[in-house]
Amino acid sequence: MSRNDAAPGTVTAPSCRIHRMLSHLYLQCLIAVLLGAAVGGLWPSADADLKPLGDGFIALVKMFIAPIIFCTVVHGIASMGNARAVGRVSLKALVYFEVLTTVAMVIDLAAAHAGGGVAAAAGGARKGTGPHAPPTGKPSPTSPRPPSHIKANQ
């Protein structure tokens, strides 16, 4: 009996190559990025309508990042066998974090000083925008969402 032969009376879904390919998360993300770029290119005026959706997505990502990282670190430490290995890995991770943070800061400072800052690269800040801009009178649907689990409970 081959893999495709089913028992009498059962229905099996056809296994096709496209369904197998679309089951990979990286391919789904690539398709979503391409679709987002196509929507932005074809309908540039849709950005104002889709802003609440994007703001909500960013708020959800910010809200879930800290617990996911915490659980990953705790699981990694708990699954290690002895305390010496935990100390060695912790020291390597701390050194790695410090070195890469320093490199990122040096690159950021060099880019900011070489080009005159971020506002100069973007053509200067627009008047009436930013966190201290006057309210527009239009309520945002994302404002009641807490930025994290911790701030949600306070």
Protein backbone atom coordinates (compact mmCIF):
# COMPACT_ATOMS: atom_id res chain seq x y z
CA MET A 1 0.00 0.00 0.00
CA SER A 2 1.53 3.34 -0.99
CA ARG A 3 1.40 6.61 0.92
CA ASN A 4 -1.35 8.02 -1.28
CA ASP A 5 -3.65 5.05 -0.85
CA ALA A 6 -6.22 5.78 1.82
CA ALA A 7 -8.40 3.36 3.69
CA PRO A 8 -11.80 2.91 2.10
CA GLY A 9 -14.23 5.61 3.17
CA THR A 10 -11.63 8.19 4.23
CA VAL A 11 -10.92 11.47 2.54
CA THR A 12 -7.36 12.79 2.38
CA ALA A 13 -6.29 16.26 1.40
CA PRO A 14 -4.07 16.36 -1.65
CA SER A 15 -0.49 17.13 -0.71
CA CYS A 16 0.73 19.56 -3.28
CA ARG A 17 4.00 21.37 -3.55
CA ILE A 18 2.52 24.86 -3.10
CA HIS A 19 0.89 23.96 0.24
CA ARG A 20 4.19 22.55 1.51
CA MET A 21 6.06 25.67 0.43
CA LEU A 22 3.52 28.02 2.00
CA SER A 23 3.78 26.22 5.33
CA HIS A 24 7.23 27.81 5.88
CA LEU A 25 7.09 30.96 8.01
CA TYR A 26 9.93 32.73 6.19
CA LEU A 27 8.09 32.41 2.89
CA GLN A 28 4.87 33.74 4.45
CA CYS A 29 6.80 36.76 5.80
CA LEU A 30 8.40 37.38 2.40
CA ILE A 31 5.00 37.30 0.70
CA ALA A 32 3.56 39.68 3.31
CA VAL A 33 6.43 42.14 2.79
CA LEU A 34 5.98 42.03 -0.97
CA LEU A 35 2.21 42.52 -0.65
CA GLY A 36 2.76 45.45 1.73
CA ALA A 37 5.19 47.07 -0.71
CA ALA A 38 2.72 46.52 -3.55
CA VAL A 39 -0.14 48.13 -1.60
CA GLY A 40 2.10 51.07 -0.67
CA GLY A 41 3.23 51.49 -4.27
CA LEU A 42 -0.18 51.14 -5.89
CA TRP A 43 -2.27 53.04 -3.30
CA PRO A 44 -0.03 55.51 -1.47
CA SER A 45 -3.05 57.26 0.05
CA ALA A 46 -3.99 54.09 1.96
CA ASP A 47 -1.30 54.74 4.59
CA ALA A 48 -3.56 56.93 6.70
CA ASP A 49 -6.29 54.29 6.69
CA LEU A 50 -3.87 51.49 7.61
CA LYS A 51 -1.98 53.44 10.31
CA PRO A 52 -4.12 52.11 13.22
CA LEU A 53 -3.49 48.56 12.02
CA GLY A 54 0.26 49.16 11.89
CA ASP A 55 0.32 50.94 15.25
CA GLY A 56 -1.64 48.08 16.82
CA PHE A 57 0.76 45.52 15.38
CA ILE A 58 3.79 47.39 16.70
CA ALA A 59 2.15 47.70 20.13
CA LEU A 60 1.47 43.95 20.20
CA VAL A 61 5.05 43.16 19.21
CA LYS A 62 6.39 45.47 21.94
CA MET A 63 4.05 43.89 24.45
CA PHE A 64 5.15 40.32 23.70
CA ILE A 65 8.90 40.80 23.20
CA ALA A 66 9.91 40.98 26.88
CA PRO A 67 7.99 37.87 28.02
CA ILE A 68 9.24 35.84 25.05
CA ILE A 69 12.87 36.78 25.70
CA PHE A 70 12.47 36.14 29.43
CA CYS A 71 10.95 32.69 28.85
CA THR A 72 13.64 31.81 26.31
CA VAL A 73 16.44 32.75 28.69
CA VAL A 74 14.85 30.94 31.64
CA HIS A 75 14.28 27.82 29.55
CA GLY A 76 17.86 27.92 28.29
CA ILE A 77 19.28 28.24 31.80
CA ALA A 78 16.96 25.58 33.22
CA SER A 79 17.83 23.09 30.50
CA MET A 80 21.59 23.34 31.13
CA GLY A 81 22.95 20.55 33.26
CA ASN A 82 25.53 22.04 35.60
CA ALA A 83 26.17 25.43 37.15
CA ARG A 84 29.64 25.79 35.64
CA ALA A 85 28.20 25.66 32.11
CA VAL A 86 25.58 28.27 33.05
CA GLY A 87 28.28 30.61 34.36
CA ARG A 88 30.45 30.14 31.29
CA VAL A 89 27.58 30.78 28.87
CA SER A 90 26.40 33.77 30.92
CA LEU A 91 29.85 35.35 30.81
CA LYS A 92 30.11 34.79 27.04
CA ALA A 93 26.65 36.27 26.50
CA LEU A 94 27.47 39.32 28.63
CA VAL A 95 30.73 39.97 26.77
CA TYR A 96 28.99 39.43 23.41
CA PHE A 97 26.21 41.85 24.37
CA GLU A 98 28.61 44.55 25.58
CA VAL A 99 30.88 44.32 22.53
CA LEU A 100 28.06 44.41 19.98
CA THR A 101 26.26 47.22 21.82
CA THR A 102 29.46 49.27 21.76
CA VAL A 103 29.98 48.58 18.05
CA ALA A 104 26.39 49.59 17.29
CA MET A 105 26.76 52.82 19.26
CA VAL A 106 30.01 53.70 17.46
CA ILE A 107 28.38 53.10 14.07
CA ASP A 108 25.37 55.18 15.09
CA LEU A 109 27.51 58.07 16.35
CA ALA A 110 29.69 57.99 13.22
CA ALA A 111 26.62 58.04 10.97
CA ALA A 112 24.99 60.88 12.93
CA HIS A 113 28.10 63.06 12.94
CA ALA A 114 29.03 62.37 9.31
CA GLY A 115 25.61 63.25 7.89
CA GLY A 116 24.52 66.02 10.21
CA GLY A 117 22.01 63.90 12.10
CA VAL A 118 18.88 62.00 11.27
CA ALA A 119 16.70 65.08 10.75
CA ALA A 120 19.09 66.40 8.10
CA ALA A 121 18.97 63.10 6.22
CA ALA A 122 15.18 63.13 6.28
CA GLY A 123 14.97 66.71 5.04
CA GLY A 124 14.41 68.25 8.45
CA ALA A 125 11.64 67.70 10.91
CA ARG A 126 8.14 68.64 9.78
CA LYS A 127 6.38 71.25 11.84
CA GLY A 128 3.53 69.97 13.96
CA THR A 129 4.67 66.34 14.10
CA GLY A 130 6.25 64.24 16.80
CA PRO A 131 5.35 63.37 20.38
CA HIS A 132 4.83 67.01 21.43
CA ALA A 133 2.60 67.96 18.52
CA PRO A 134 -0.81 69.41 19.31
CA PRO A 135 -3.65 66.87 19.23
CA THR A 136 -5.49 66.54 15.95
CA GLY A 137 -8.87 65.96 17.59
CA LYS A 138 -9.13 62.52 15.99
CA PRO A 139 -8.97 59.74 18.63
CA SER A 140 -6.61 56.90 17.90
CA PRO A 141 -7.96 53.36 18.21
CA THR A 142 -4.57 52.23 19.53
CA SER A 143 -4.41 54.62 22.50
CA PRO A 144 -6.14 52.35 25.08
CA ARG A 145 -3.65 49.53 24.46
CA PRO A 146 -0.94 49.22 27.13
CA PRO A 147 2.64 49.22 25.87
CA SER A 148 3.55 46.13 27.93
CA HIS A 149 2.17 43.52 30.31
CA ILE A 150 3.76 45.30 33.25
CA LYS A 151 2.18 48.66 32.49
CA ALA A 152 -1.15 46.94 31.82
CA ASN A 153 -1.32 45.79 35.44
CA GLN A 154 -0.47 49.16 37.01
